[in-house]
Protein backbone atom coordinates (compact mmCIF):
# COMPACT_ATOMS: atom_id res chain seq x y z
CA MET A 1 4.02 -10.04 6.62
CA SER A 2 6.38 -8.50 4.15
CA LEU A 3 5.62 -8.92 0.47
CA CYS A 4 8.86 -7.44 -0.80
CA GLN A 5 11.63 -6.16 1.47
CA LYS A 6 14.32 -5.39 -1.10
CA GLY A 7 16.30 -2.21 -0.73
CA LEU A 8 14.15 0.11 1.38
CA PRO A 9 15.31 1.57 4.69
CA SER A 10 14.13 0.08 7.94
CA GLY A 11 15.62 -0.25 11.37
CA PHE A 12 14.70 -1.88 14.63
CA VAL A 13 15.85 -0.05 17.75
CA GLU A 14 15.67 -1.58 21.20
CA ARG A 15 15.45 0.50 24.37
CA PRO A 16 15.06 -0.43 28.06
CA TRP A 17 11.34 0.43 27.84
CA GLY A 18 10.74 -1.61 24.65
CA ALA A 19 11.54 -1.04 20.98
CA PHE A 20 10.52 0.80 17.83
CA LYS A 21 10.81 0.39 14.08
CA GLN A 22 12.30 3.26 12.17
CA TYR A 23 11.24 3.53 8.54
CA ALA A 24 12.88 6.80 7.51
CA PHE A 25 15.83 8.47 9.18
CA ASN A 26 16.65 11.97 7.92
CA GLN A 27 15.26 11.10 4.48
CA ASP A 28 12.90 12.84 2.13
CA CYS A 29 9.63 10.97 2.22
CA THR A 30 5.90 11.59 1.93
CA VAL A 31 3.50 9.99 4.41
CA SER A 32 -0.16 9.42 3.53
CA LEU A 33 -3.03 7.63 5.24
CA MET A 34 -5.05 5.74 2.62
CA THR A 35 -8.65 4.67 3.29
CA VAL A 36 -10.34 2.17 0.99
CA ARG A 37 -14.11 1.88 1.21
CA PRO A 38 -15.84 -1.52 1.33
CA GLY A 39 -15.91 -3.15 -2.09
CA GLN A 40 -13.45 -0.64 -3.58
CA ARG A 41 -9.90 -0.70 -4.90
CA LEU A 42 -7.05 1.42 -6.17
CA SER A 43 -6.11 0.89 -9.79
CA LEU A 44 -3.26 -1.53 -10.49
CA GLN A 45 -0.36 0.89 -10.79
CA SER A 46 3.36 1.55 -10.52
CA HIS A 47 5.51 4.63 -9.96
CA THR A 48 8.73 5.56 -11.72
CA GLY A 49 10.08 8.00 -9.15
CA ARG A 50 9.34 6.45 -5.78
CA ALA A 51 9.23 3.28 -3.72
CA GLU A 52 6.54 2.80 -1.07
CA LEU A 53 6.05 1.07 2.23
CA TRP A 54 2.46 0.30 3.19
CA ILE A 55 1.67 -0.47 6.81
CA VAL A 56 -1.82 -1.93 7.19
CA ILE A 57 -3.82 -0.28 9.97
CA ASP A 58 -7.03 -2.38 9.86
CA ASP A 59 -7.64 -6.10 9.40
CA GLY A 60 -9.07 -7.11 6.03
CA ALA A 61 -6.94 -5.22 3.52
CA ARG A 62 -5.99 -7.07 0.36
CA VAL A 63 -2.57 -6.03 -0.95
CA GLN A 64 -1.14 -6.91 -4.34
CA VAL A 65 2.57 -6.39 -5.03
CA GLY A 66 3.74 -7.71 -8.37
CA GLU A 67 1.82 -10.93 -9.00
CA VAL A 68 1.45 -11.75 -5.28
CA GLU A 69 -1.80 -10.96 -3.46
CA ARG A 70 -2.26 -11.30 0.30
CA ASP A 71 -5.08 -10.76 2.75
CA CYS A 72 -3.53 -8.61 5.45
CA LYS A 73 -4.18 -7.83 9.07
CA ALA A 74 -3.30 -4.78 11.14
CA GLY A 75 0.48 -4.37 11.39
CA ASP A 76 1.34 -6.20 8.16
CA GLU A 77 3.79 -4.41 5.88
CA ALA A 78 4.26 -4.37 2.12
CA TRP A 79 7.42 -2.99 0.49
CA ILE A 80 6.84 -1.77 -3.05
CA LEU A 81 9.83 -0.92 -5.24
CA ALA A 82 9.79 1.76 -7.92
CA ASN A 83 8.25 0.38 -11.14
CA GLU A 84 6.59 -2.51 -9.28
CA LYS A 85 2.86 -3.03 -9.92
CA HIS A 86 0.69 -2.79 -6.82
CA ARG A 87 -2.82 -2.13 -5.50
CA LEU A 88 -4.85 -2.03 -2.30
CA SER A 89 -8.43 -3.27 -2.00
CA ARG A 90 -11.21 -4.08 0.45
CA ALA A 91 -13.86 -6.73 -0.25
CA GLY A 92 -15.42 -6.67 3.25
CA THR A 93 -18.09 -4.51 4.84
CA GLU A 94 -15.89 -1.97 6.67
CA PRO A 95 -13.25 0.45 5.31
CA VAL A 96 -9.56 -0.38 5.70
CA ARG A 97 -6.65 1.98 6.17
CA ALA A 98 -2.99 1.73 5.30
CA LEU A 99 -0.20 4.14 6.10
CA GLU A 100 1.86 4.84 2.99
CA ILE A 101 5.45 6.03 3.30
CA ALA A 102 6.74 7.04 -0.13
CA PHE A 103 10.51 7.26 -0.60
CA GLY A 104 11.69 9.38 -3.50
CA ASN A 105 10.13 12.13 -5.58
CA TRP A 106 6.36 11.99 -4.97
CA GLN A 107 4.67 13.26 -8.13
CA GLN A 108 1.16 12.35 -9.29
CA GLU A 109 2.53 12.27 -12.86
CA ASP A 110 4.81 9.29 -12.15
CA ILE A 111 1.87 6.87 -11.98
CA THR A 112 1.36 4.24 -14.66
CA ARG A 113 -2.08 2.58 -14.44
CA TYR A 114 -2.43 -0.96 -15.78
CA ALA A 115 -6.01 -1.92 -14.94
CA ALA A 116 -9.13 -0.21 -13.76
CA SER A 117 -12.08 -1.82 -12.06
CA GLN A 118 -14.65 -3.37 -14.40
CA ASP A 119 -17.30 -2.00 -12.07
CA PRO A 120 -15.83 0.80 -9.98
CA ARG A 121 -18.59 0.40 -7.37
CA SER A 122 -18.01 -3.25 -6.49
CA ILE A 123 -15.39 -5.96 -6.21
CA ALA A 124 -17.73 -8.63 -4.92
CA SER A 125 -17.00 -10.86 -7.92
CA SER A 126 -13.24 -10.31 -7.83
CA VAL A 127 -11.45 -10.29 -4.48
CA SER A 128 -8.20 -9.09 -6.07
CA THR A 129 -9.59 -5.70 -7.10
CA THR A 130 -10.24 -2.23 -5.59
CA SER A 131 -11.58 1.16 -6.73
CA PRO A 132 -10.24 4.64 -6.11
CA ALA A 133 -10.34 5.60 -2.45
CA ARG A 134 -8.15 8.67 -2.65
CA SER A 135 -6.65 10.97 -5.20
CA LYS A 136 -3.67 8.59 -5.71
CA ASN A 137 -5.70 5.74 -7.22
């Protein structure tokens, strides 16, 4: 699944033994592994200085990019452009992880937060929400 594949680098390389996807080739990028606890979410946010690619590691992540929300499974991808609102959440009973590849100037100060959780401990009443699971929230 790709929520938004506009403008970010990606390549598919085939070899005799199989193939691989290449997300960054000789580019400045920051790679982070995000973990969201059950019933938690990141704030709805955007970044002015970077675009992001999220690769879902575990089934059950809920990803919002812009106004579109999707329940994701392992291997799904979400491209997030600079200034695009986004969030990651988990309504189930086990944590979920997503690999984040940030392209551009990664600075904590470039975050704009639009919405916080009404109850930062739970999203049981709202599947489209998540609470902080890492310092990025």
